[in-house]
């Protein structure tokens, strides 16, 4: 599984950001809205559960993932903002 870094200028308005999306990204956003998709910041137990499943999947499919401590650092950062 290839790694990617996506940088989004969050100082832009929602409309400006949406206009910059590709056609397929816009379609995915519309589909997510239609299906009531939402995001939340996970707690530590959820991060651990996610990581355990992600780790098993990575071994099964043969791709590398970041160490668990990186996900926990991200959780800490998100909580502090």
Protein backbone atom coordinates (compact mmCIF):
# COMPACT_ATOMS: atom_id res chain seq x y z
CA UNK A 1 0.00 0.00 0.00
CA UNK A 2 1.64 3.26 -1.04
CA UNK A 3 2.09 6.02 1.47
CA UNK A 4 0.93 9.54 0.71
CA UNK A 5 1.06 12.90 2.37
CA UNK A 6 -1.81 15.23 1.70
CA UNK A 7 -1.50 18.88 2.60
CA UNK A 8 -4.69 20.93 2.74
CA UNK A 9 -4.73 24.68 3.24
CA UNK A 10 -7.40 24.92 5.92
CA UNK A 11 -7.35 28.72 5.79
CA UNK A 12 -9.43 28.47 2.59
CA UNK A 13 -13.21 28.51 2.79
CA UNK A 14 -15.15 25.27 2.50
CA UNK A 15 -16.30 26.35 -0.96
CA UNK A 16 -12.72 27.08 -2.12
CA UNK A 17 -11.54 23.70 -0.85
CA UNK A 18 -14.40 21.88 -2.56
CA UNK A 19 -13.69 23.65 -5.87
CA UNK A 20 -10.08 22.43 -5.71
CA UNK A 21 -11.13 18.75 -5.43
CA UNK A 22 -11.00 16.39 -8.38
CA UNK A 23 -14.26 15.15 -9.90
CA UNK A 24 -13.94 11.81 -8.10
CA UNK A 25 -13.16 13.48 -4.76
CA UNK A 26 -16.27 15.65 -5.11
CA UNK A 27 -18.33 12.53 -5.88
CA UNK A 28 -16.92 10.84 -2.77
CA UNK A 29 -17.77 13.88 -0.63
CA UNK A 30 -21.35 13.91 -1.93
CA UNK A 31 -21.64 10.17 -1.27
CA UNK A 32 -20.30 10.58 2.27
CA UNK A 33 -22.77 13.37 3.00
CA UNK A 34 -25.64 11.33 1.57
CA UNK A 35 -24.70 8.38 3.80
CA UNK A 36 -24.31 10.54 6.95
CA UNK A 37 -20.60 9.81 7.27
CA UNK A 38 -18.96 11.63 10.15
CA UNK A 39 -15.55 11.79 11.79
CA UNK A 40 -14.55 11.86 15.42
CA UNK A 41 -11.29 11.77 17.33
CA UNK A 42 -10.78 8.25 18.61
CA UNK A 43 -9.96 7.45 22.20
CA UNK A 44 -6.92 5.39 23.19
CA UNK A 45 -8.83 2.09 23.31
CA UNK A 46 -10.19 2.71 19.80
CA UNK A 47 -6.67 3.51 18.56
CA UNK A 48 -5.40 0.25 20.07
CA UNK A 49 -8.27 -1.75 18.53
CA UNK A 50 -7.70 -0.06 15.16
CA UNK A 51 -3.96 -0.67 15.31
CA UNK A 52 -4.34 -4.36 16.15
CA UNK A 53 -6.60 -4.87 13.13
CA UNK A 54 -4.43 -2.67 10.88
CA UNK A 55 -1.30 -4.59 11.97
CA UNK A 56 -2.89 -7.97 11.18
CA UNK A 57 -4.10 -6.68 7.82
CA UNK A 58 -0.64 -5.31 6.96
CA UNK A 59 0.99 -8.67 7.66
CA UNK A 60 -1.67 -10.53 5.68
CA UNK A 61 -1.47 -8.16 2.68
CA UNK A 62 2.28 -7.53 2.88
CA UNK A 63 2.53 -3.78 3.46
CA UNK A 64 4.24 -1.73 6.15
CA UNK A 65 2.56 0.54 8.67
CA UNK A 66 3.83 3.07 11.19
CA UNK A 67 4.51 1.93 14.75
CA UNK A 68 1.61 2.24 17.20
CA UNK A 69 3.39 5.07 19.03
CA UNK A 70 2.94 7.28 15.94
CA UNK A 71 -0.83 6.83 16.03
CA UNK A 72 -0.86 7.58 19.75
CA UNK A 73 1.21 10.75 19.12
CA UNK A 74 -1.35 11.83 16.51
CA UNK A 75 -4.16 11.21 19.02
CA UNK A 76 -2.32 13.33 21.59
CA UNK A 77 -1.84 16.12 19.06
CA UNK A 78 -5.50 16.10 17.99
CA UNK A 79 -6.64 16.26 21.61
CA UNK A 80 -4.41 19.29 22.24
CA UNK A 81 -5.86 21.36 19.38
